[in-house]
Structure formats: structure tokens, C-alpha cells
Amino acid sequence: TLNSEAFLAPRLESIRRQTLTDWELVVVDSQSDDATLP
């Protein structure tokens, strides 16, 4: 991620809707200065 606020909600929702529940999300952020991290 890098300042992904505008595109992040659908990406996260897609992950949440998966039927497999045994997962981890690894985010590598390049110092975003928008609302990406919150």
C-alpha cells in the first residue's frame, strides 16, 4: 500500500468475504500519509 485510501475498502471487503477463514493479511505500507493505516 501507498496512499490507498480510495481503493482500500473494496479490497478489504473482498478479503473479509472469503470462505476460507484461516488467513492472515500482511500489509507492507510505504509511509502512507492518507487514511490508509487507520
Full PDB file with SEQRES, HELIX, SHEET, SSBOND, CRYST1, ORIGX, SCALE, CONECT and MASTER records, all heavy atoms in Angstrom:
SEQRES   1 A   38  THR LEU ASN SER GLU ALA PHE LEU ALA PRO ARG LEU GLU          
SEQRES   2 A   38  SER ILE ARG ARG GLN THR LEU THR ASP TRP GLU LEU VAL          
SEQRES   3 A   38  VAL VAL ASP SER GLN SER ASP ASP ALA THR LEU PRO              
HELIX    1 AA1 GLU A    5  ARG A   16  1                                  12    
CRYST1    1.000    1.000    1.000  90.00  90.00  90.00 P 1           1          
ORIGX1      1.000000  0.000000  0.000000        0.00000                         
ORIGX2      0.000000  1.000000  0.000000        0.00000                         
ORIGX3      0.000000  0.000000  1.000000        0.00000                         
SCALE1      1.000000  0.000000  0.000000        0.00000                         
SCALE2      0.000000  1.000000  0.000000        0.00000                         
SCALE3      0.000000  0.000000  1.000000        0.00000                         
ATOM      1  N   THR A   1       0.830  -1.206   0.000  1.00  0.00           N  
ATOM      2  CA  THR A   1       0.000   0.000   0.000  1.00  0.00           C  
ATOM      3  C   THR A   1       0.862   1.253   0.000  1.00  0.00           C  
ATOM      4  O   THR A   1       1.965   1.269   0.535  1.00  0.00           O  
ATOM      5  CB  THR A   1      -0.938   0.071   1.227  1.00  0.00           C  
ATOM      6  OG1 THR A   1      -0.160   0.109   2.411  1.00  0.00           O  
ATOM      7  CG2 THR A   1      -1.886  -1.091   1.285  1.00  0.00           C  
ATOM      8  N   LEU A   2       0.305   2.282  -0.594  1.00  0.00           N  
ATOM      9  CA  LEU A   2       0.839   3.635  -0.513  1.00  0.00           C  
ATOM     10  C   LEU A   2      -0.310   4.572  -0.866  1.00  0.00           C  
ATOM     11  O   LEU A   2      -0.762   4.606  -2.012  1.00  0.00           O  
ATOM     12  CB  LEU A   2       2.013   3.871  -1.469  1.00  0.00           C  
ATOM     13  CG  LEU A   2       2.490   5.335  -1.539  1.00  0.00           C  
ATOM     14  CD1 LEU A   2       2.962   5.832  -0.171  1.00  0.00           C  
ATOM     15  CD2 LEU A   2       3.581   5.507  -2.571  1.00  0.00           C  
ATOM     16  N   ASN A   3      -0.817   5.239   0.149  1.00  0.00           N  
ATOM     17  CA  ASN A   3      -1.947   6.156  -0.036  1.00  0.00           C  
ATOM     18  C   ASN A   3      -3.076   5.479  -0.815  1.00  0.00           C  
ATOM     19  O   ASN A   3      -3.548   5.980  -1.823  1.00  0.00           O  
ATOM     20  CB  ASN A   3      -1.486   7.437  -0.723  1.00  0.00           C  
ATOM     21  CG  ASN A   3      -0.527   8.224   0.142  1.00  0.00           C  
ATOM     22  OD1 ASN A   3      -0.572   8.160   1.367  1.00  0.00           O  
ATOM     23  ND2 ASN A   3       0.355   8.962  -0.484  1.00  0.00           N  
ATOM     24  N   SER A   4      -3.527   4.355  -0.305  1.00  0.00           N  
ATOM     25  CA  SER A   4      -4.535   3.520  -0.971  1.00  0.00           C  
ATOM     26  C   SER A   4      -5.955   3.773  -0.478  1.00  0.00           C  
ATOM     27  O   SER A   4      -6.853   2.982  -0.784  1.00  0.00           O  
ATOM     28  CB  SER A   4      -4.202   2.044  -0.744  1.00  0.00           C  
ATOM     29  OG  SER A   4      -2.936   1.742  -1.241  1.00  0.00           O  
ATOM     30  N   GLU A   5      -6.160   4.822   0.265  1.00  0.00           N  
ATOM     31  CA  GLU A   5      -7.461   5.077   0.874  1.00  0.00           C  
ATOM     32  C   GLU A   5      -8.621   4.940  -0.117  1.00  0.00           C  
ATOM     33  O   GLU A   5      -9.639   4.321   0.190  1.00  0.00           O  
ATOM     34  CB  GLU A   5      -7.466   6.482   1.482  1.00  0.00           C  
ATOM     35  CG  GLU A   5      -8.780   6.921   2.040  1.00  0.00           C  
ATOM     36  CD  GLU A   5      -8.735   8.341   2.572  1.00  0.00           C  
ATOM     37  OE1 GLU A   5      -7.729   9.051   2.374  1.00  0.00           O  
ATOM     38  OE2 GLU A   5      -9.717   8.750   3.189  1.00  0.00           O  
ATOM     39  N   ALA A   6      -8.491   5.476  -1.302  1.00  0.00           N  
ATOM     40  CA  ALA A   6      -9.589   5.476  -2.266  1.00  0.00           C  
ATOM     41  C   ALA A   6      -9.951   4.074  -2.755  1.00  0.00           C  
ATOM     42  O   ALA A   6     -11.071   3.852  -3.203  1.00  0.00           O  
ATOM     43  CB  ALA A   6      -9.226   6.353  -3.462  1.00  0.00           C  
ATOM     44  N   PHE A   7      -9.035   3.133  -2.677  1.00  0.00           N  
ATOM     45  CA  PHE A   7      -9.248   1.796  -3.223  1.00  0.00           C  
ATOM     46  C   PHE A   7      -9.277   0.707  -2.162  1.00  0.00           C  
ATOM     47  O   PHE A   7      -9.495  -0.455  -2.476  1.00  0.00           O  
ATOM     48  CB  PHE A   7      -8.135   1.462  -4.227  1.00  0.00           C  
ATOM     49  CG  PHE A   7      -7.914   2.547  -5.229  1.00  0.00           C  
ATOM     50  CD1 PHE A   7      -6.842   3.415  -5.105  1.00  0.00           C  
ATOM     51  CD2 PHE A   7      -8.789   2.719  -6.282  1.00  0.00           C  
ATOM     52  CE1 PHE A   7      -6.641   4.427  -6.028  1.00  0.00           C  
ATOM     53  CE2 PHE A   7      -8.598   3.725  -7.208  1.00  0.00           C  
ATOM     54  CZ  PHE A   7      -7.523   4.587  -7.081  1.00  0.00           C  
ATOM     55  N   LEU A   8      -9.055   1.053  -0.927  1.00  0.00           N  
ATOM     56  CA  LEU A   8      -8.827   0.069   0.124  1.00  0.00           C  
ATOM     57  C   LEU A   8     -10.098  -0.636   0.592  1.00  0.00           C  
ATOM     58  O   LEU A   8     -10.077  -1.844   0.826  1.00  0.00           O  
ATOM     59  CB  LEU A   8      -8.134   0.747   1.305  1.00  0.00           C  
ATOM     60  CG  LEU A   8      -7.442  -0.145   2.309  1.00  0.00           C  
ATOM     61  CD1 LEU A   8      -6.476  -1.091   1.633  1.00  0.00           C  
ATOM     62  CD2 LEU A   8      -6.711   0.696   3.334  1.00  0.00           C  
ATOM     63  N   ALA A   9     -11.195   0.057   0.737  1.00  0.00           N  
ATOM     64  CA  ALA A   9     -12.420  -0.551   1.270  1.00  0.00           C  
ATOM     65  C   ALA A   9     -12.858  -1.780   0.475  1.00  0.00           C  
ATOM     66  O   ALA A   9     -13.119  -2.838   1.069  1.00  0.00           O  
ATOM     67  CB  ALA A   9     -13.531   0.480   1.366  1.00  0.00           C  
ATOM     68  N   PRO A  10     -12.940  -1.711  -0.868  1.00  0.00           N  
ATOM     69  CA  PRO A  10     -13.342  -2.922  -1.598  1.00  0.00           C  
ATOM     70  C   PRO A  10     -12.329  -4.062  -1.481  1.00  0.00           C  
ATOM     71  O   PRO A  10     -12.709  -5.227  -1.449  1.00  0.00           O  
ATOM     72  CB  PRO A  10     -13.459  -2.459  -3.051  1.00  0.00           C  
ATOM     73  CG  PRO A  10     -13.355  -0.983  -3.054  1.00  0.00           C  
ATOM     74  CD  PRO A  10     -12.820  -0.552  -1.734  1.00  0.00           C  
ATOM     75  N   ARG A  11     -11.053  -3.722  -1.401  1.00  0.00           N  
ATOM     76  CA  ARG A  11     -10.029  -4.764  -1.249  1.00  0.00           C  
ATOM     77  C   ARG A  11     -10.196  -5.487   0.072  1.00  0.00           C  
ATOM     78  O   ARG A  11     -10.153  -6.716   0.134  1.00  0.00           O  
ATOM     79  CB  ARG A  11      -8.632  -4.149  -1.336  1.00  0.00           C  
ATOM     80  CG  ARG A  11      -8.309  -3.642  -2.740  1.00  0.00           C  
ATOM     81  CD  ARG A  11      -7.113  -2.717  -2.751  1.00  0.00           C  
ATOM     82  NE  ARG A  11      -5.866  -3.408  -2.462  1.00  0.00           N  
ATOM     83  CZ  ARG A  11      -4.720  -2.779  -2.245  1.00  0.00           C  
ATOM     84  NH1 ARG A  11      -4.662  -1.452  -2.312  1.00  0.00           N  
ATOM     85  NH2 ARG A  11      -3.625  -3.437  -1.986  1.00  0.00           N  
ATOM     86  N   LEU A  12     -10.390  -4.727   1.138  1.00  0.00           N  
ATOM     87  CA  LEU A  12     -10.550  -5.336   2.461  1.00  0.00           C  
ATOM     88  C   LEU A  12     -11.850  -6.118   2.557  1.00  0.00           C  
ATOM     89  O   LEU A  12     -11.892  -7.199   3.157  1.00  0.00           O  
ATOM     90  CB  LEU A  12     -10.479  -4.255   3.540  1.00  0.00           C  
ATOM     91  CG  LEU A  12      -9.130  -3.541   3.667  1.00  0.00           C  
ATOM     92  CD1 LEU A  12      -9.228  -2.398   4.664  1.00  0.00           C  
ATOM     93  CD2 LEU A  12      -8.029  -4.515   4.053  1.00  0.00           C  
ATOM     94  N   GLU A  13     -12.910  -5.596   1.983  1.00  0.00           N  
ATOM     95  CA  GLU A  13     -14.194  -6.303   1.999  1.00  0.00           C  
ATOM     96  C   GLU A  13     -14.101  -7.622   1.246  1.00  0.00           C  
ATOM     97  O   GLU A  13     -14.667  -8.630   1.669  1.00  0.00           O  
ATOM     98  CB  GLU A  13     -15.293  -5.432   1.394  1.00  0.00           C  
ATOM     99  CG  GLU A  13     -16.661  -6.053   1.452  1.00  0.00           C  
ATOM    100  CD  GLU A  13     -17.131  -6.420   2.856  1.00  0.00           C  
ATOM    101  OE1 GLU A  13     -16.734  -5.751   3.834  1.00  0.00           O  
ATOM    102  OE2 GLU A  13     -17.907  -7.393   2.984  1.00  0.00           O  
ATOM    103  N   SER A  14     -13.372  -7.648   0.157  1.00  0.00           N  
ATOM    104  CA  SER A  14     -13.179  -8.880  -0.596  1.00  0.00           C  
ATOM    105  C   SER A  14     -12.463  -9.931   0.252  1.00  0.00           C  
ATOM    106  O   SER A  14     -12.825 -11.117   0.226  1.00  0.00           O  
ATOM    107  CB  SER A  14     -12.380  -8.584  -1.863  1.00  0.00           C  
ATOM    108  OG  SER A  14     -12.087  -9.769  -2.549  1.00  0.00           O  
ATOM    109  N   ILE A  15     -11.476  -9.508   1.003  1.00  0.00           N  
ATOM    110  CA  ILE A  15     -10.765 -10.433   1.898  1.00  0.00           C  
ATOM    111  C   ILE A  15     -11.705 -10.951   2.969  1.00  0.00           C  
ATOM    112  O   ILE A  15     -11.750 -12.142   3.260  1.00  0.00           O  
ATOM    113  CB  ILE A  15      -9.533  -9.747   2.521  1.00  0.00           C  
ATOM    114  CG1 ILE A  15      -8.495  -9.453   1.438  1.00  0.00           C  
ATOM    115  CG2 ILE A  15      -8.937 -10.606   3.635  1.00  0.00           C  
ATOM    116  CD1 ILE A  15      -7.400  -8.511   1.882  1.00  0.00           C  
ATOM    117  N   ARG A  16     -12.483 -10.078   3.547  1.00  0.00           N  
ATOM    118  CA  ARG A  16     -13.407 -10.453   4.622  1.00  0.00           C  
ATOM    119  C   ARG A  16     -14.461 -11.459   4.135  1.00  0.00           C  
ATOM    120  O   ARG A  16     -14.895 -12.324   4.888  1.00  0.00           O  
ATOM    121  CB  ARG A  16     -14.088  -9.196   5.158  1.00  0.00           C  
ATOM    122  CG  ARG A  16     -15.057  -9.402   6.242  1.00  0.00           C  
ATOM    123  CD  ARG A  16     -14.487  -9.745   7.597  1.00  0.00           C  
ATOM    124  NE  ARG A  16     -13.714  -8.648   8.116  1.00  0.00           N  
ATOM    125  CZ  ARG A  16     -12.679  -8.806   8.923  1.00  0.00           C  
ATOM    126  NH1 ARG A  16     -12.307  -9.990   9.308  1.00  0.00           N  
ATOM    127  NH2 ARG A  16     -12.002  -7.786   9.351  1.00  0.00           N  
ATOM    128  N   ARG A  17     -14.879 -11.383   2.872  1.00  0.00           N  
ATOM    129  CA  ARG A  17     -15.948 -12.247   2.349  1.00  0.00           C  
ATOM    130  C   ARG A  17     -15.469 -13.638   1.938  1.00  0.00           C  
ATOM    131  O   ARG A  17     -16.289 -14.472   1.547  1.00  0.00           O  
ATOM    132  CB  ARG A  17     -16.613 -11.579   1.142  1.00  0.00           C  
ATOM    133  CG  ARG A  17     -17.493 -10.421   1.496  1.00  0.00           C  
ATOM    134  CD  ARG A  17     -18.339  -9.984   0.314  1.00  0.00           C  
ATOM    135  NE  ARG A  17     -17.573  -9.981  -0.927  1.00  0.00           N  
ATOM    136  CZ  ARG A  17     -17.327  -8.905  -1.659  1.00  0.00           C  
ATOM    137  NH1 ARG A  17     -17.812  -7.749  -1.312  1.00  0.00           N  
ATOM    138  NH2 ARG A  17     -16.610  -9.002  -2.763  1.00  0.00           N  
ATOM    139  N   GLN A  18     -14.192 -13.904   2.000  1.00  0.00           N  
ATOM    140  CA  GLN A  18     -13.696 -15.219   1.584  1.00  0.00           C  
ATOM    141  C   GLN A  18     -14.263 -16.311   2.489  1.00  0.00           C  
ATOM    142  O   GLN A  18     -14.492 -16.108   3.670  1.00  0.00           O  
ATOM    143  CB  GLN A  18     -12.174 -15.258   1.623  1.00  0.00           C  
ATOM    144  CG  GLN A  18     -11.516 -14.278   0.684  1.00  0.00           C  
ATOM    145  CD  GLN A  18     -11.963 -14.464  -0.747  1.00  0.00           C  
ATOM    146  OE1 GLN A  18     -11.902 -15.551  -1.291  1.00  0.00           O  
ATOM    147  NE2 GLN A  18     -12.412 -13.380  -1.361  1.00  0.00           N  
ATOM    148  N   THR A  19     -14.462 -17.485   1.908  1.00  0.00           N  
ATOM    149  CA  THR A  19     -14.994 -18.598   2.695  1.00  0.00           C  
ATOM    150  C   THR A  19     -13.915 -19.259   3.551  1.00  0.00           C  
ATOM    151  O   THR A  19     -14.224 -19.819   4.594  1.00  0.00           O  
ATOM    152  CB  THR A  19     -15.654 -19.647   1.783  1.00  0.00           C  
ATOM    153  OG1 THR A  19     -14.707 -20.075   0.802  1.00  0.00           O  
ATOM    154  CG2 THR A  19     -16.864 -19.048   1.088  1.00  0.00           C  
ATOM    155  N   LEU A  20     -12.677 -19.200   3.124  1.00  0.00           N  
ATOM    156  CA  LEU A  20     -11.578 -19.711   3.937  1.00  0.00           C  
ATOM    157  C   LEU A  20     -11.333 -18.738   5.082  1.00  0.00           C  
ATOM    158  O   LEU A  20     -11.181 -17.538   4.861  1.00  0.00           O  
ATOM    159  CB  LEU A  20     -10.300 -19.849   3.099  1.00  0.00           C  
ATOM    160  CG  LEU A  20      -9.070 -20.336   3.855  1.00  0.00           C  
ATOM    161  CD1 LEU A  20      -9.232 -21.805   4.214  1.00  0.00           C  
ATOM    162  CD2 LEU A  20      -7.823 -20.123   3.047  1.00  0.00           C  
ATOM    163  N   THR A  21     -11.320 -19.232   6.288  1.00  0.00           N  
ATOM    164  CA  THR A  21     -11.148 -18.345   7.445  1.00  0.00           C  
ATOM    165  C   THR A  21      -9.753 -18.408   8.049  1.00  0.00           C  
ATOM    166  O   THR A  21      -9.427 -17.606   8.912  1.00  0.00           O  
ATOM    167  CB  THR A  21     -12.182 -18.695   8.536  1.00  0.00           C  
ATOM    168  OG1 THR A  21     -12.021 -20.070   8.907  1.00  0.00           O  
ATOM    169  CG2 THR A  21     -13.597 -18.453   8.042  1.00  0.00           C  
ATOM    170  N   ASP A  22      -8.927 -19.332   7.597  1.00  0.00           N  
ATOM    171  CA  ASP A  22      -7.581 -19.496   8.160  1.00  0.00           C  
ATOM    172  C   ASP A  22      -6.576 -18.702   7.320  1.00  0.00           C  
ATOM    173  O   ASP A  22      -5.831 -19.262   6.526  1.00  0.00           O  
ATOM    174  CB  ASP A  22      -7.222 -20.980   8.189  1.00  0.00           C  
ATOM    175  CG  ASP A  22      -5.941 -21.244   8.960  1.00  0.00           C  
ATOM    176  OD1 ASP A  22      -5.470 -20.325   9.675  1.00  0.00           O  
ATOM    177  OD2 ASP A  22      -5.403 -22.358   8.845  1.00  0.00           O  
ATOM    178  N   TRP A  23      -6.582 -17.371   7.497  1.00  0.00           N  
ATOM    179  CA  TRP A  23      -5.720 -16.498   6.711  1.00  0.00           C  
ATOM    180  C   TRP A  23      -5.115 -15.419   7.596  1.00  0.00           C  
ATOM    181  O   TRP A  23      -5.578 -15.175   8.708  1.00  0.00           O  
ATOM    182  CB  TRP A  23      -6.477 -15.848   5.562  1.00  0.00           C  
ATOM    183  CG  TRP A  23      -7.712 -15.108   5.973  1.00  0.00           C  
ATOM    184  CD1 TRP A  23      -8.987 -15.595   5.979  1.00  0.00           C  
ATOM    185  CD2 TRP A  23      -7.801 -13.771   6.466  1.00  0.00           C  
ATOM    186  NE1 TRP A  23      -9.864 -14.647   6.434  1.00  0.00           N  
ATOM    187  CE2 TRP A  23      -9.160 -13.506   6.750  1.00  0.00           C  
ATOM    188  CE3 TRP A  23      -6.886 -12.760   6.708  1.00  0.00           C  
ATOM    189  CZ2 TRP A  23      -9.606 -12.288   7.246  1.00  0.00           C  
ATOM    190  CZ3 TRP A  23      -7.341 -11.544   7.210  1.00  0.00           C  
ATOM    191  CH2 TRP A  23      -8.683 -11.327   7.471  1.00  0.00           C  
ATOM    192  N   GLU A  24      -4.089 -14.795   7.059  1.00  0.00           N  
ATOM    193  CA  GLU A  24      -3.528 -13.595   7.664  1.00  0.00           C  
ATOM    194  C   GLU A  24      -3.347 -12.574   6.552  1.00  0.00           C  
ATOM    195  O   GLU A  24      -3.150 -12.934   5.390  1.00  0.00           O  
ATOM    196  CB  GLU A  24      -2.186 -13.867   8.345  1.00  0.00           C  
ATOM    197  CG  GLU A  24      -1.066 -14.169   7.372  1.00  0.00           C  
ATOM    198  CD  GLU A  24       0.293 -14.310   8.029  1.00  0.00           C  
ATOM    199  OE1 GLU A  24       0.486 -13.875   9.175  1.00  0.00           O  
ATOM    200  OE2 GLU A  24       1.190 -14.877   7.372  1.00  0.00           O  
ATOM    201  N   LEU A  25      -3.443 -11.302   6.898  1.00  0.00           N  
ATOM    202  CA  LEU A  25      -3.205 -10.219   5.954  1.00  0.00           C  
ATOM    203  C   LEU A  25      -1.897  -9.555   6.337  1.00  0.00           C  
ATOM    204  O   LEU A  25      -1.726  -9.105   7.475  1.00  0.00           O  
ATOM    205  CB  LEU A  25      -4.350  -9.205   5.994  1.00  0.00           C  
ATOM    206  CG  LEU A  25      -4.159  -7.939   5.154  1.00  0.00           C  
ATOM    207  CD1 LEU A  25      -4.006  -8.289   3.681  1.00  0.00           C  
ATOM    208  CD2 LEU A  25      -5.318  -6.993   5.368  1.00  0.00           C  
ATOM    209  N   VAL A  26      -0.967  -9.521   5.407  1.00  0.00           N  
ATOM    210  CA  VAL A  26       0.325  -8.882   5.614  1.00  0.00           C  
ATOM    211  C   VAL A  26       0.345  -7.620   4.750  1.00  0.00           C  
ATOM    212  O   VAL A  26       0.326  -7.702   3.530  1.00  0.00           O  
ATOM    213  CB  VAL A  26       1.505  -9.805   5.239  1.00  0.00           C  
ATOM    214  CG1 VAL A  26       2.829  -9.106   5.458  1.00  0.00           C  
ATOM    215  CG2 VAL A  26       1.423 -11.115   6.010  1.00  0.00           C  
ATOM    216  N   VAL A  27       0.337  -6.469   5.406  1.00  0.00           N  
ATOM    217  CA  VAL A  27       0.324  -5.187   4.708  1.00  0.00           C  
ATOM    218  C   VAL A  27       1.722  -4.601   4.771  1.00  0.00           C  
ATOM    219  O   VAL A  27       2.312  -4.497   5.845  1.00  0.00           O  
ATOM    220  CB  VAL A  27      -0.682  -4.213   5.360  1.00  0.00           C  
ATOM    221  CG1 VAL A  27      -0.664  -2.868   4.651  1.00  0.00           C  
ATOM    222  CG2 VAL A  27      -2.080  -4.809   5.353  1.00  0.00           C  
ATOM    223  N   VAL A  28       2.257  -4.233   3.614  1.00  0.00           N  
ATOM    224  CA  VAL A  28       3.538  -3.532   3.562  1.00  0.00           C  
ATOM    225  C   VAL A  28       3.227  -2.131   3.053  1.00  0.00           C  
ATOM    226  O   VAL A  28       2.861  -1.942   1.899  1.00  0.00           O  
ATOM    227  CB  VAL A  28       4.546  -4.245   2.643  1.00  0.00           C  
ATOM    228  CG1 VAL A  28       5.866  -3.483   2.611  1.00  0.00           C  
ATOM    229  CG2 VAL A  28       4.761  -5.681   3.102  1.00  0.00           C  
ATOM    230  N   ASP A  29       3.320  -1.171   3.942  1.00  0.00           N  
ATOM    231  CA  ASP A  29       2.955   0.203   3.627  1.00  0.00           C  
ATOM    232  C   ASP A  29       4.206   1.056   3.461  1.00  0.00           C  
ATOM    233  O   ASP A  29       5.141   0.956   4.238  1.00  0.00           O  
ATOM    234  CB  ASP A  29       2.087   0.785   4.743  1.00  0.00           C  
ATOM    235  CG  ASP A  29       1.650   2.184   4.419  1.00  0.00           C  
ATOM    236  OD1 ASP A  29       0.803   2.341   3.514  1.00  0.00           O  
ATOM    237  OD2 ASP A  29       2.154   3.129   5.044  1.00  0.00           O  
ATOM    238  N   SER A  30       4.187   1.888   2.438  1.00  0.00           N  
ATOM    239  CA  SER A  30       5.334   2.759   2.143  1.00  0.00           C  
ATOM    240  C   SER A  30       5.101   4.170   2.671  1.00  0.00           C  
ATOM    241  O   SER A  30       5.149   5.136   1.927  1.00  0.00           O  
ATOM    242  CB  SER A  30       5.597   2.791   0.631  1.00  0.00           C  
ATOM    243  OG  SER A  30       5.962   1.518   0.175  1.00  0.00           O  
ATOM    244  N   GLN A  31       4.821   4.258   3.969  1.00  0.00           N  
ATOM    245  CA  GLN A  31       4.663   5.547   4.656  1.00  0.00           C  
ATOM    246  C   GLN A  31       3.480   6.364   4.109  1.00  0.00           C  
ATOM    247  O   GLN A  31       3.610   7.535   3.780  1.00  0.00           O  
ATOM    248  CB  GLN A  31       5.958   6.363   4.577  1.00  0.00           C  
ATOM    249  CG  GLN A  31       7.189   5.656   5.075  1.00  0.00           C  
ATOM    250  CD  GLN A  31       7.130   5.349   6.571  1.00  0.00           C  
ATOM    251  OE1 GLN A  31       6.632   6.160   7.348  1.00  0.00           O  
ATOM    252  NE2 GLN A  31       7.623   4.197   6.975  1.00  0.00           N  
ATOM    253  N   SER A  32       2.309   5.735   4.015  1.00  0.00           N  
ATOM    254  CA  SER A  32       1.108   6.437   3.560  1.00  0.00           C  
ATOM    255  C   SER A  32       0.833   7.639   4.451  1.00  0.00           C  
ATOM    256  O   SER A  32       1.028   7.591   5.671  1.00  0.00           O  
ATOM    257  CB  SER A  32      -0.103   5.508   3.607  1.00  0.00           C  
ATOM    258  OG  SER A  32      -0.003   4.516   2.617  1.00  0.00           O  
ATOM    259  N   ASP A  33       0.360   8.724   3.833  1.00  0.00           N  
ATOM    260  CA  ASP A  33       0.009   9.906   4.628  1.00  0.00           C  
ATOM    261  C   ASP A  33      -1.470  10.267   4.442  1.00  0.00           C  
ATOM    262  O   ASP A  33      -1.874  11.393   4.705  1.00  0.00           O  
ATOM    263  CB  ASP A  33       0.922  11.100   4.307  1.00  0.00           C  
ATOM    264  CG  ASP A  33       0.985  11.428   2.824  1.00  0.00           C  
ATOM    265  OD1 ASP A  33       0.122  10.961   2.058  1.00  0.00           O  
ATOM    266  OD2 ASP A  33       1.910  12.157   2.441  1.00  0.00           O  
ATOM    267  N   ASP A  34      -2.279   9.276   4.014  1.00  0.00           N  
ATOM    268  CA  ASP A  34      -3.723   9.463   3.964  1.00  0.00           C  
ATOM    269  C   ASP A  34      -4.341   8.560   5.034  1.00  0.00           C  
ATOM    270  O   ASP A  34      -3.687   8.230   6.010  1.00  0.00           O  
ATOM    271  CB  ASP A  34      -4.263   9.181   2.559  1.00  0.00           C  
ATOM    272  CG  ASP A  34      -4.081   7.725   2.132  1.00  0.00           C  
ATOM    273  OD1 ASP A  34      -3.471   6.939   2.887  1.00  0.00           O  
ATOM    274  OD2 ASP A  34      -4.548   7.375   1.043  1.00  0.00           O  
ATOM    275  N   ALA A  35      -5.553   8.135   4.865  1.00  0.00           N  
ATOM    276  CA  ALA A  35      -6.244   7.322   5.884  1.00  0.00           C  
ATOM    277  C   ALA A  35      -6.037   5.824   5.701  1.00  0.00           C  
ATOM    278  O   ALA A  35      -6.764   5.025   6.290  1.00  0.00           O  
ATOM    279  CB  ALA A  35      -7.725   7.649   5.863  1.00  0.00           C  
ATOM    280  N   THR A  36      -5.039   5.433   4.936  1.00  0.00           N  
ATOM    281  CA  THR A  36      -4.798   4.014   4.699  1.00  0.00           C  
ATOM    282  C   THR A  36      -4.593   3.245   5.999  1.00  0.00           C  
ATOM    283  O   THR A  36      -5.267   2.241   6.250  1.00  0.00           O  
ATOM    284  CB  THR A  36      -3.575   3.813   3.768  1.00  0.00           C  
ATOM    285  OG1 THR A  36      -3.888   4.367   2.491  1.00  0.00           O  
ATOM    286  CG2 THR A  36      -3.213   2.356   3.614  1.00  0.00           C  
ATOM    287  N   LEU A  37      -3.683   3.667   6.838  1.00  0.00           N  
ATOM    288  CA  LEU A  37      -3.388   2.913   8.066  1.00  0.00           C  
ATOM    289  C   LEU A  37      -4.549   2.897   9.048  1.00  0.00           C  
ATOM    290  O   LEU A  37      -4.844   1.832   9.612  1.00  0.00           O  
ATOM    291  CB  LEU A  37      -2.103   3.424   8.704  1.00  0.00           C  
ATOM    292  CG  LEU A  37      -0.840   3.117   7.890  1.00  0.00           C  
ATOM    293  CD1 LEU A  37       0.392   3.703   8.558  1.00  0.00           C  
ATOM    294  CD2 LEU A  37      -0.676   1.628   7.686  1.00  0.00           C  
ATOM    295  N   PRO A  38      -5.257   4.005   9.277  1.00  0.00           N  
ATOM    296  CA  PRO A  38      -6.446   3.910  10.135  1.00  0.00           C  
ATOM    297  C   PRO A  38      -7.501   2.944   9.585  1.00  0.00           C  
ATOM    298  O   PRO A  38      -8.161   2.237  10.359  1.00  0.00           O  
ATOM    299  CB  PRO A  38      -6.975   5.341  10.181  1.00  0.00           C  
ATOM    300  CG  PRO A  38      -5.768   6.184   9.945  1.00  0.00           C  
ATOM    301  CD  PRO A  38      -4.934   5.391   8.975  1.00  0.00           C  
TER     302      PRO A  38                                                      
MASTER        0    0    0    1    0    0    0    6  301    1    0    3          
END                                                                             
